[in-house]
PDB file of N, CA and C in Angstrom:
ATOM      1  N   MET A   1       0.840  -1.180   0.000  1.00  0.00           N
ATOM      2  CA  MET A   1       0.000   0.000   0.000  1.00  0.00           C
ATOM      3  C   MET A   1       0.882   1.240   0.000  1.00  0.00           C
ATOM      4  N   SER A   2       0.574   2.175  -0.830  1.00  0.00           N
ATOM      5  CA  SER A   2       1.387   3.365  -0.987  1.00  0.00           C
ATOM      6  C   SER A   2       1.048   4.381   0.090  1.00  0.00           C
ATOM      7  N   THR A   3       2.075   5.085   0.547  1.00  0.00           N
ATOM      8  CA  THR A   3       1.855   6.127   1.553  1.00  0.00           C
ATOM      9  C   THR A   3       1.568   7.465   0.905  1.00  0.00           C
ATOM     10  N   GLU A   4       1.713   7.529  -0.437  1.00  0.00           N
ATOM     11  CA  GLU A   4       1.441   8.776  -1.141  1.00  0.00           C
ATOM     12  C   GLU A   4      -0.056   9.061  -1.145  1.00  0.00           C
ATOM     13  N   ALA A   5      -0.392  10.332  -1.006  1.00  0.00           N
ATOM     14  CA  ALA A   5      -1.800  10.725  -1.075  1.00  0.00           C
ATOM     15  C   ALA A   5      -2.209  10.811  -2.532  1.00  0.00           C
ATOM     16  N   ARG A   6      -3.395  10.297  -2.846  1.00  0.00           N
ATOM     17  CA  ARG A   6      -3.883  10.365  -4.222  1.00  0.00           C
ATOM     18  C   ARG A   6      -4.258  11.791  -4.563  1.00  0.00           C
ATOM     19  N   ALA A   7      -4.000  12.175  -5.791  1.00  0.00           N
ATOM     20  CA  ALA A   7      -4.373  13.508  -6.257  1.00  0.00           C
ATOM     21  C   ALA A   7      -5.894  13.594  -6.321  1.00  0.00           C
ATOM     22  N   PRO A   8      -6.447  14.724  -5.978  1.00  0.00           N
ATOM     23  CA  PRO A   8      -7.910  14.849  -6.044  1.00  0.00           C
ATOM     24  C   PRO A   8      -8.382  14.724  -7.492  1.00  0.00           C
ATOM     25  N   LEU A   9      -9.570  14.161  -7.658  1.00  0.00           N
ATOM     26  CA  LEU A   9     -10.126  13.981  -8.995  1.00  0.00           C
ATOM     27  C   LEU A   9     -10.455  15.334  -9.610  1.00  0.00           C
ATOM     28  N   SER A  10     -10.197  15.453 -10.872  1.00  0.00           N
ATOM     29  CA  SER A  10     -10.536  16.692 -11.558  1.00  0.00           C
ATOM     30  C   SER A  10     -12.058  16.766 -11.733  1.00  0.00           C
ATOM     31  N   VAL A  11     -12.525  17.911 -12.074  1.00  0.00           N
ATOM     32  CA  VAL A  11     -13.966  18.110 -12.254  1.00  0.00           C
ATOM     33  C   VAL A  11     -14.472  17.240 -13.403  1.00  0.00           C
ATOM     34  N   LEU A  12     -13.732  17.210 -14.499  1.00  0.00           N
ATOM     35  CA  LEU A  12     -14.143  16.403 -15.636  1.00  0.00           C
ATOM     36  C   LEU A  12     -14.141  14.919 -15.286  1.00  0.00           C
ATOM     37  N   ASP A  13     -13.158  14.501 -14.508  1.00  0.00           N
ATOM     38  CA  ASP A  13     -13.079  13.113 -14.082  1.00  0.00           C
ATOM     39  C   ASP A  13     -14.299  12.745 -13.225  1.00  0.00           C
ATOM     40  N   GLU A  14     -14.678  13.617 -12.329  1.00  0.00           N
ATOM     41  CA  GLU A  14     -15.860  13.370 -11.481  1.00  0.00           C
ATOM     42  C   GLU A  14     -17.138  13.329 -12.316  1.00  0.00           C
ATOM     43  N   ILE A  15     -17.253  14.228 -13.288  1.00  0.00           N
ATOM     44  CA  ILE A  15     -18.453  14.257 -14.139  1.00  0.00           C
ATOM     45  C   ILE A  15     -18.561  12.968 -14.944  1.00  0.00           C
ATOM     46  N   LEU A  16     -17.443  12.527 -15.531  1.00  0.00           N
ATOM     47  CA  LEU A  16     -17.482  11.301 -16.334  1.00  0.00           C
ATOM     48  C   LEU A  16     -17.767  10.072 -15.483  1.00  0.00           C
ATOM     49  N   CYS A  17     -17.208  10.027 -14.272  1.00  0.00           N
ATOM     50  CA  CYS A  17     -17.510   8.900 -13.368  1.00  0.00           C
ATOM     51  C   CYS A  17     -18.990   8.882 -13.003  1.00  0.00           C
ATOM     52  N   THR A  18     -19.543  10.055 -12.742  1.00  0.00           N
ATOM     53  CA  THR A  18     -20.954  10.140 -12.386  1.00  0.00           C
ATOM     54  C   THR A  18     -21.836   9.739 -13.567  1.00  0.00           C
ATOM     55  N   LEU A  19     -21.514  10.221 -14.770  1.00  0.00           N
ATOM     56  CA  LEU A  19     -22.289   9.851 -15.954  1.00  0.00           C
ATOM     57  C   LEU A  19     -22.223   8.350 -16.213  1.00  0.00           C
ATOM     58  N   LEU A  20     -21.056   7.764 -16.034  1.00  0.00           N
ATOM     59  CA  LEU A  20     -20.895   6.326 -16.234  1.00  0.00           C
ATOM     60  C   LEU A  20     -21.721   5.546 -15.212  1.00  0.00           C
ATOM     61  N   ALA A  21     -21.711   5.983 -13.960  1.00  0.00           N
ATOM     62  CA  ALA A  21     -22.476   5.293 -12.922  1.00  0.00           C
ATOM     63  C   ALA A  21     -23.981   5.429 -13.156  1.00  0.00           C
ATOM     64  N   VAL A  22     -24.432   6.625 -13.486  1.00  0.00           N
ATOM     65  CA  VAL A  22     -25.858   6.853 -13.728  1.00  0.00           C
ATOM     66  C   VAL A  22     -26.319   6.079 -14.961  1.00  0.00           C
ATOM     67  N   GLY A  23     -25.522   6.095 -16.014  1.00  0.00           N
ATOM     68  CA  GLY A  23     -25.870   5.351 -17.221  1.00  0.00           C
ATOM     69  C   GLY A  23     -25.947   3.859 -16.977  1.00  0.00           C
ATOM     70  N   THR A  24     -25.029   3.321 -16.180  1.00  0.00           N
ATOM     71  CA  THR A  24     -25.058   1.898 -15.859  1.00  0.00           C
ATOM     72  C   THR A  24     -26.305   1.546 -15.057  1.00  0.00           C
ATOM     73  N   VAL A  25     -26.642   2.384 -14.094  1.00  0.00           N
ATOM     74  CA  VAL A  25     -27.848   2.132 -13.295  1.00  0.00           C
ATOM     75  C   VAL A  25     -29.098   2.197 -14.170  1.00  0.00           C
ATOM     76  N   LEU A  26     -29.159   3.166 -15.078  1.00  0.00           N
ATOM     77  CA  LEU A  26     -30.321   3.275 -15.969  1.00  0.00           C
ATOM     78  C   LEU A  26     -30.467   2.043 -16.855  1.00  0.00           C
ATOM     79  N   VAL A  27     -29.353   1.574 -17.426  1.00  0.00           N
ATOM     80  CA  VAL A  27     -29.425   0.418 -18.316  1.00  0.00           C
ATOM     81  C   VAL A  27     -29.802  -0.840 -17.539  1.00  0.00           C
ATOM     82  N   VAL A  28     -29.310  -0.971 -16.326  1.00  0.00           N
ATOM     83  CA  VAL A  28     -29.617  -2.167 -15.536  1.00  0.00           C
ATOM     84  C   VAL A  28     -31.061  -2.150 -15.032  1.00  0.00           C
ATOM     85  N   LEU A  29     -31.561  -1.005 -14.599  1.00  0.00           N
ATOM     86  CA  LEU A  29     -32.874  -0.954 -13.953  1.00  0.00           C
ATOM     87  C   LEU A  29     -34.042  -0.656 -14.899  1.00  0.00           C
ATOM     88  N   LEU A  30     -33.795   0.058 -15.978  1.00  0.00           N
ATOM     89  CA  LEU A  30     -34.888   0.427 -16.879  1.00  0.00           C
ATOM     90  C   LEU A  30     -34.794  -0.346 -18.190  1.00  0.00           C
ATOM     91  N   PRO A  31     -35.774  -1.188 -18.482  1.00  0.00           N
ATOM     92  CA  PRO A  31     -35.740  -1.924 -19.749  1.00  0.00           C
ATOM     93  C   PRO A  31     -35.772  -1.005 -20.968  1.00  0.00           C
ATOM     94  N   ALA A  32     -36.413   0.145 -20.865  1.00  0.00           N
ATOM     95  CA  ALA A  32     -36.484   1.067 -21.998  1.00  0.00           C
ATOM     96  C   ALA A  32     -35.106   1.636 -22.345  1.00  0.00           C
ATOM     97  N   ALA A  33     -34.182   1.673 -21.380  1.00  0.00           N
ATOM     98  CA  ALA A  33     -32.847   2.211 -21.623  1.00  0.00           C
ATOM     99  C   ALA A  33     -31.949   1.203 -22.331  1.00  0.00           C
ATOM    100  N   ARG A  34     -32.435  -0.016 -22.546  1.00  0.00           N
ATOM    101  CA  ARG A  34     -31.635  -1.040 -23.221  1.00  0.00           C
ATOM    102  C   ARG A  34     -31.929  -1.104 -24.713  1.00  0.00           C
ATOM    103  N   GLY A  35     -32.850  -0.294 -25.185  1.00  0.00           N
ATOM    104  CA  GLY A  35     -33.276  -0.401 -26.582  1.00  0.00           C
ATOM    105  C   GLY A  35     -32.754   0.716 -27.448  1.00  0.00           C
ATOM    106  N   ASP A  36     -33.422   0.882 -28.574  1.00  0.00           N
ATOM    107  CA  ASP A  36     -33.059   1.907 -29.549  1.00  0.00           C
ATOM    108  C   ASP A  36     -33.893   3.156 -29.321  1.00  0.00           C
ATOM    109  N   SER A  37     -33.349   4.271 -29.754  1.00  0.00           N
ATOM    110  CA  SER A  37     -34.087   5.522 -29.709  1.00  0.00           C
ATOM    111  C   SER A  37     -33.735   6.316 -30.962  1.00  0.00           C
ATOM    112  N   ALA A  38     -34.164   7.564 -31.015  1.00  0.00           N
ATOM    113  CA  ALA A  38     -33.842   8.410 -32.157  1.00  0.00           C
ATOM    114  C   ALA A  38     -32.343   8.687 -32.241  1.00  0.00           C
ATOM    115  N   LEU A  39     -31.645   8.588 -31.108  1.00  0.00           N
ATOM    116  CA  LEU A  39     -30.202   8.826 -31.083  1.00  0.00           C
ATOM    117  C   LEU A  39     -29.393   7.583 -31.421  1.00  0.00           C
ATOM    118  N   GLY A  40     -30.030   6.432 -31.437  1.00  0.00           N
ATOM    119  CA  GLY A  40     -29.311   5.187 -31.690  1.00  0.00           C
ATOM    120  C   GLY A  40     -29.455   4.228 -30.531  1.00  0.00           C
ATOM    121  N   TRP A  41     -28.507   3.339 -30.381  1.00  0.00           N
ATOM    122  CA  TRP A  41     -28.554   2.320 -29.340  1.00  0.00           C
ATOM    123  C   TRP A  41     -28.200   2.971 -28.006  1.00  0.00           C
ATOM    124  N   LEU A  42     -29.142   3.032 -27.074  1.00  0.00           N
ATOM    125  CA  LEU A  42     -28.963   3.771 -25.827  1.00  0.00           C
ATOM    126  C   LEU A  42     -27.830   3.269 -24.931  1.00  0.00           C
ATOM    127  N   PRO A  43     -27.593   1.949 -24.770  1.00  0.00           N
ATOM    128  CA  PRO A  43     -26.469   1.563 -23.908  1.00  0.00           C
ATOM    129  C   PRO A  43     -25.122   2.100 -24.393  1.00  0.00           C
ATOM    130  N   MET A  44     -24.982   2.305 -25.692  1.00  0.00           N
ATOM    131  CA  MET A  44     -23.732   2.886 -26.189  1.00  0.00           C
ATOM    132  C   MET A  44     -23.570   4.311 -25.668  1.00  0.00           C
ATOM    133  N   TRP A  45     -24.676   5.076 -25.667  1.00  0.00           N
ATOM    134  CA  TRP A  45     -24.599   6.463 -25.220  1.00  0.00           C
ATOM    135  C   TRP A  45     -24.576   6.575 -23.698  1.00  0.00           C
ATOM    136  N   LEU A  46     -25.219   5.639 -23.006  1.00  0.00           N
ATOM    137  CA  LEU A  46     -25.289   5.729 -21.555  1.00  0.00           C
ATOM    138  C   LEU A  46     -24.086   5.110 -20.852  1.00  0.00           C
ATOM    139  N   ILE A  47     -23.469   4.101 -21.454  1.00  0.00           N
ATOM    140  CA  ILE A  47     -22.336   3.432 -20.815  1.00  0.00           C
ATOM    141  C   ILE A  47     -21.068   3.549 -21.667  1.00  0.00           C
ATOM    142  N   GLY A  48     -21.175   3.223 -22.931  1.00  0.00           N
ATOM    143  CA  GLY A  48     -19.994   3.156 -23.787  1.00  0.00           C
ATOM    144  C   GLY A  48     -19.284   4.487 -23.980  1.00  0.00           C
ATOM    145  N   MET A  49     -20.015   5.518 -24.325  1.00  0.00           N
ATOM    146  CA  MET A  49     -19.388   6.812 -24.589  1.00  0.00           C
ATOM    147  C   MET A  49     -18.763   7.441 -23.335  1.00  0.00           C
ATOM    148  N   PRO A  50     -19.445   7.446 -22.174  1.00  0.00           N
ATOM    149  CA  PRO A  50     -18.761   7.965 -20.982  1.00  0.00           C
ATOM    150  C   PRO A  50     -17.544   7.122 -20.581  1.00  0.00           C
ATOM    151  N   ALA A  51     -17.614   5.799 -20.790  1.00  0.00           N
ATOM    152  CA  ALA A  51     -16.477   4.944 -20.438  1.00  0.00           C
ATOM    153  C   ALA A  51     -15.280   5.238 -21.331  1.00  0.00           C
ATOM    154  N   VAL A  52     -15.504   5.407 -22.632  1.00  0.00           N
ATOM    155  CA  VAL A  52     -14.401   5.707 -23.544  1.00  0.00           C
ATOM    156  C   VAL A  52     -13.849   7.111 -23.281  1.00  0.00           C
ATOM    157  N   ALA A  53     -14.716   8.061 -22.971  1.00  0.00           N
ATOM    158  CA  ALA A  53     -14.252   9.416 -22.665  1.00  0.00           C
ATOM    159  C   ALA A  53     -13.414   9.425 -21.386  1.00  0.00           C
ATOM    160  N   TRP A  54     -13.828   8.657 -20.395  1.00  0.00           N
ATOM    161  CA  TRP A  54     -13.065   8.568 -19.147  1.00  0.00           C
ATOM    162  C   TRP A  54     -11.719   7.890 -19.380  1.00  0.00           C
ATOM    163  N   TRP A  55     -11.728   6.849 -20.214  1.00  0.00           N
ATOM    164  CA  TRP A  55     -10.489   6.155 -20.565  1.00  0.00           C
ATOM    165  C   TRP A  55      -9.552   7.096 -21.333  1.00  0.00           C
ATOM    166  N   ALA A  56     -10.097   7.910 -22.246  1.00  0.00           N
ATOM    167  CA  ALA A  56      -9.293   8.868 -22.995  1.00  0.00           C
ATOM    168  C   ALA A  56      -8.734   9.951 -22.076  1.00  0.00           C
ATOM    169  N   LEU A  57      -9.497  10.346 -21.077  1.00  0.00           N
ATOM    170  CA  LEU A  57      -9.032  11.342 -20.117  1.00  0.00           C
ATOM    171  C   LEU A  57      -7.793  10.851 -19.378  1.00  0.00           C
ATOM    172  N   HIS A  58      -7.732   9.557 -19.165  1.00  0.00           N
ATOM    173  CA  HIS A  58      -6.582   8.973 -18.471  1.00  0.00           C
ATOM    174  C   HIS A  58      -5.498   8.528 -19.443  1.00  0.00           C
ATOM    175  N   GLY A  59      -5.540   8.983 -20.676  1.00  0.00           N
ATOM    176  CA  GLY A  59      -4.484   8.731 -21.638  1.00  0.00           C
ATOM    177  C   GLY A  59      -4.490   7.338 -22.226  1.00  0.00           C
ATOM    178  N   PHE A  60      -5.662   6.710 -22.349  1.00  0.00           N
ATOM    179  CA  PHE A  60      -5.802   5.367 -22.906  1.00  0.00           C
ATOM    180  C   PHE A  60      -4.870   4.382 -22.207  1.00  0.00           C
ATOM    181  N   ALA A  61      -4.793   4.474 -20.907  1.00  0.00           N
ATOM    182  CA  ALA A  61      -3.911   3.605 -20.125  1.00  0.00           C
ATOM    183  C   ALA A  61      -4.495   2.207 -20.043  1.00  0.00           C
ATOM    184  N   TRP A  62      -3.673   1.206 -20.336  1.00  0.00           N
ATOM    185  CA  TRP A  62      -4.076  -0.191 -20.206  1.00  0.00           C
ATOM    186  C   TRP A  62      -3.802  -0.638 -18.785  1.00  0.00           C
ATOM    187  N   PRO A  63      -4.599  -1.558 -18.276  1.00  0.00           N
ATOM    188  CA  PRO A  63      -4.316  -2.084 -16.940  1.00  0.00           C
ATOM    189  C   PRO A  63      -2.948  -2.761 -16.929  1.00  0.00           C
ATOM    190  N   ARG A  64      -2.207  -2.551 -15.867  1.00  0.00           N
ATOM    191  CA  ARG A  64      -0.864  -3.121 -15.781  1.00  0.00           C
ATOM    192  C   ARG A  64      -0.936  -4.561 -15.289  1.00  0.00           C
ATOM    193  N   ARG A  65      -0.086  -5.392 -15.906  1.00  0.00           N
ATOM    194  CA  ARG A  65      -0.014  -6.789 -15.478  1.00  0.00           C
ATOM    195  C   ARG A  65       0.923  -6.898 -14.290  1.00  0.00           C
ATOM    196  N   ALA A  66       0.728  -7.923 -13.494  1.00  0.00           N
ATOM    197  CA  ALA A  66       1.614  -8.170 -12.365  1.00  0.00           C
ATOM    198  C   ALA A  66       2.997  -8.521 -12.886  1.00  0.00           C
ATOM    199  N   MET A  67       4.005  -8.027 -12.223  1.00  0.00           N
ATOM    200  CA  MET A  67       5.371  -8.311 -12.637  1.00  0.00           C
ATOM    201  C   MET A  67       5.707  -9.764 -12.311  1.00  0.00           C
ATOM    202  N   VAL A  68       6.268 -10.451 -13.284  1.00  0.00           N
ATOM    203  CA  VAL A  68       6.639 -11.844 -13.125  1.00  0.00           C
ATOM    204  C   VAL A  68       8.150 -11.926 -13.296  1.00  0.00           C
ATOM    205  N   ASP A  69       8.776 -12.894 -12.654  1.00  0.00           N
ATOM    206  CA  ASP A  69      10.219 -13.039 -12.753  1.00  0.00           C
ATOM    207  C   ASP A  69      10.680 -13.451 -14.140  1.00  0.00           C
ATOM    208  N   GLU A  70       9.786 -13.997 -14.938  1.00  0.00           N
ATOM    209  CA  GLU A  70      10.144 -14.439 -16.279  1.00  0.00           C
ATOM    210  C   GLU A  70      10.300 -13.234 -17.202  1.00  0.00           C
ATOM    211  N   PRO A  71      11.340 -13.236 -18.036  1.00  0.00           N
ATOM    212  CA  PRO A  71      11.510 -12.112 -18.967  1.00  0.00           C
ATOM    213  C   PRO A  71      10.474 -12.182 -20.090  1.00  0.00           C
ATOM    214  N   VAL A  72      10.152 -11.032 -20.624  1.00  0.00           N
ATOM    215  CA  VAL A  72       9.201 -10.954 -21.721  1.00  0.00           C
ATOM    216  C   VAL A  72       9.920 -11.337 -23.011  1.00  0.00           C
ATOM    217  N   VAL A  73       9.349 -12.280 -23.744  1.00  0.00           N
ATOM    218  CA  VAL A  73       9.955 -12.740 -24.983  1.00  0.00           C
ATOM    219  C   VAL A  73       9.449 -11.856 -26.116  1.00  0.00           C
ATOM    220  N   VAL A  74      10.383 -11.265 -26.836  1.00  0.00           N
ATOM    221  CA  VAL A  74      10.042 -10.415 -27.970  1.00  0.00           C
ATOM    222  C   VAL A  74      10.462 -11.143 -29.232  1.00  0.00           C
ATOM    223  N   ALA A  75       9.554 -11.257 -30.173  1.00  0.00           N
ATOM    224  CA  ALA A  75       9.851 -11.952 -31.415  1.00  0.00           C
ATOM    225  C   ALA A  75      10.875 -11.155 -32.212  1.00  0.00           C
ATOM    226  N   ALA A  76      11.904 -11.841 -32.663  1.00  0.00           N
ATOM    227  CA  ALA A  76      12.947 -11.192 -33.467  1.00  0.00           C
ATOM    228  C   ALA A  76      12.443 -11.029 -34.894  1.00  0.00           C
ATOM    229  N   THR A  77      12.559  -9.841 -35.408  1.00  0.00           N
ATOM    230  CA  THR A  77      12.124  -9.604 -36.776  1.00  0.00           C
ATOM    231  C   THR A  77      13.332  -9.712 -37.686  1.00  0.00           C
ATOM    232  N   THR A  78      13.180 -10.443 -38.757  1.00  0.00           N
ATOM    233  CA  THR A  78      14.271 -10.594 -39.714  1.00  0.00           C
ATOM    234  C   THR A  78      13.963  -9.759 -40.939  1.00  0.00           C
ATOM    235  N   ARG A  79      14.970  -9.188 -41.487  1.00  0.00           N
ATOM    236  CA  ARG A  79      14.811  -8.345 -42.659  1.00  0.00           C
ATOM    237  C   ARG A  79      15.350  -9.100 -43.866  1.00  0.00           C
ATOM    238  N   ARG A  80      14.587  -9.127 -44.920  1.00  0.00           N
ATOM    239  CA  ARG A  80      15.029  -9.821 -46.130  1.00  0.00           C
ATOM    240  C   ARG A  80      16.080  -8.976 -46.836  1.00  0.00           C
ATOM    241  N   SER A  81      17.089  -9.666 -47.342  1.00  0.00           N
ATOM    242  CA  SER A  81      18.148  -8.939 -48.038  1.00  0.00           C
ATOM    243  C   SER A  81      17.805  -8.736 -49.511  1.00  0.00           C
ATOM    244  N   ALA A  82      17.029  -9.625 -50.093  1.00  0.00           N
ATOM    245  CA  ALA A  82      16.677  -9.518 -51.504  1.00  0.00           C
ATOM    246  C   ALA A  82      15.440  -8.635 -51.663  1.00  0.00           C
ATOM    247  N   PRO A  83      15.314  -7.964 -52.804  1.00  0.00           N
ATOM    248  CA  PRO A  83      14.115  -7.150 -53.019  1.00  0.00           C
ATOM    249  C   PRO A  83      12.874  -8.036 -53.169  1.00  0.00           C
ATOM    250  N   GLN A  84      11.734  -7.427 -53.001  1.00  0.00           N
ATOM    251  CA  GLN A  84      10.493  -8.174 -53.102  1.00  0.00           C
ATOM    252  C   GLN A  84      10.257  -8.603 -54.555  1.00  0.00           C
ATOM    253  N   ALA A  85       9.767  -9.812 -54.704  1.00  0.00           N
ATOM    254  CA  ALA A  85       9.526 -10.345 -56.051  1.00  0.00           C
ATOM    255  C   ALA A  85       8.365  -9.607 -56.692  1.00  0.00           C
ATOM    256  N   ARG A  86       8.472  -9.422 -58.003  1.00  0.00           N
ATOM    257  CA  ARG A  86       7.406  -8.773 -58.755  1.00  0.00           C
ATOM    258  C   ARG A  86       6.693  -9.810 -59.608  1.00  0.00           C
ATOM    259  N   ARG A  87       5.423  -9.624 -59.821  1.00  0.00           N
ATOM    260  CA  ARG A  87       4.651 -10.545 -60.646  1.00  0.00           C
ATOM    261  C   ARG A  87       5.006 -10.324 -62.114  1.00  0.00           C
ATOM    262  N   ARG A  88       5.193 -11.437 -62.802  1.00  0.00           N
ATOM    263  CA  ARG A  88       5.556 -11.378 -64.212  1.00  0.00           C
ATOM    264  C   ARG A  88       4.300 -11.099 -65.034  1.00  0.00           C
ATOM    265  N   VAL A  89       4.395 -10.217 -66.001  1.00  0.00           N
ATOM    266  CA  VAL A  89       3.266  -9.896 -66.868  1.00  0.00           C
ATOM    267  C   VAL A  89       3.284 -10.888 -68.024  1.00  0.00           C
ATOM    268  N   ARG A  90       2.197 -11.643 -68.147  1.00  0.00           N
ATOM    269  CA  ARG A  90       2.091 -12.622 -69.227  1.00  0.00           C
ATOM    270  C   ARG A  90       1.057 -12.148 -70.234  1.00  0.00           C
ATOM    271  N   PRO A  91       1.362 -12.265 -71.512  1.00  0.00           N
ATOM    272  CA  PRO A  91       0.357 -11.874 -72.509  1.00  0.00           C
ATOM    273  C   PRO A  91      -0.806 -12.869 -72.499  1.00  0.00           C
ATOM    274  N   ALA A  92      -1.983 -12.394 -72.848  1.00  0.00           N
ATOM    275  CA  ALA A  92      -3.166 -13.249 -72.887  1.00  0.00           C
ATOM    276  C   ALA A  92      -3.046 -14.239 -74.036  1.00  0.00           C
ATOM    277  N   PRO A  93      -3.521 -15.470 -73.848  1.00  0.00           N
ATOM    278  CA  PRO A  93      -3.481 -16.439 -74.950  1.00  0.00           C
ATOM    279  C   PRO A  93      -4.316 -15.950 -76.138  1.00  0.00           C
ATOM    280  N   ARG A  94      -3.951 -16.383 -77.346  1.00  0.00           N
ATOM    281  CA  ARG A  94      -4.633 -15.942 -78.559  1.00  0.00           C
ATOM    282  C   ARG A  94      -6.107 -16.302 -78.564  1.00  0.00           C
ATOM    283  N   SER A  95      -6.481 -17.429 -77.939  1.00  0.00           N
ATOM    284  CA  SER A  95      -7.874 -17.860 -77.985  1.00  0.00           C
ATOM    285  C   SER A  95      -8.775 -16.944 -77.157  1.00  0.00           C
ATOM    286  N   GLU A  96      -8.207 -16.231 -76.208  1.00  0.00           N
ATOM    287  CA  GLU A  96      -9.030 -15.374 -75.354  1.00  0.00           C
ATOM    288  C   GLU A  96      -9.148 -13.951 -75.884  1.00  0.00           C
ATOM    289  N   ILE A  97      -8.352 -13.602 -76.897  1.00  0.00           N
ATOM    290  CA  ILE A  97      -8.435 -12.265 -77.455  1.00  0.00           C
ATOM    291  C   ILE A  97      -9.665 -12.195 -78.349  1.00  0.00           C
ATOM    292  N   ARG A  98     -10.544 -11.283 -78.105  1.00  0.00           N
ATOM    293  CA  ARG A  98     -11.782 -11.157 -78.868  1.00  0.00           C
ATOM    294  C   ARG A  98     -11.610 -10.064 -79.924  1.00  0.00           C
ATOM    295  N   ARG A  99     -12.170 -10.327 -81.061  1.00  0.00           N
ATOM    296  CA  ARG A  99     -12.115  -9.344 -82.138  1.00  0.00           C
ATOM    297  C   ARG A  99     -13.510  -8.791 -82.389  1.00  0.00           C
ATOM    298  N   ALA A 100     -13.538  -7.563 -82.796  1.00  0.00           N
ATOM    299  CA  ALA A 100     -14.815  -6.943 -83.128  1.00  0.00           C
ATOM    300  C   ALA A 100     -15.312  -7.497 -84.451  1.00  0.00           C
ATOM    301  N   ALA A 101     -16.606  -7.720 -84.567  1.00  0.00           N
ATOM    302  CA  ALA A 101     -17.144  -8.331 -85.788  1.00  0.00           C
ATOM    303  C   ALA A 101     -17.392  -7.300 -86.837  1.00  0.00           C
TER     304      ALA A 101
END
């Protein structure tokens, strides 16, 4: 447990948390909030959009994994020394060439 005091939540952070909580409660308790409206699919607007905005406010931070003693294996990328092959252009066979009548 850290002895550092947490920074107080910003106003925008508090608003987004409140919108996310209210939207979740509405979707869970009201069947009408689970359907479509003139604005589109309501759970997206009530839960999804505030959640993504809150995540963006925190810099799109991914949850951190627990540190393990095993090193992380990174795949080695190999670079080809030869240039990329090009497709050969072949002329069409004579039987497929159509002539105007």
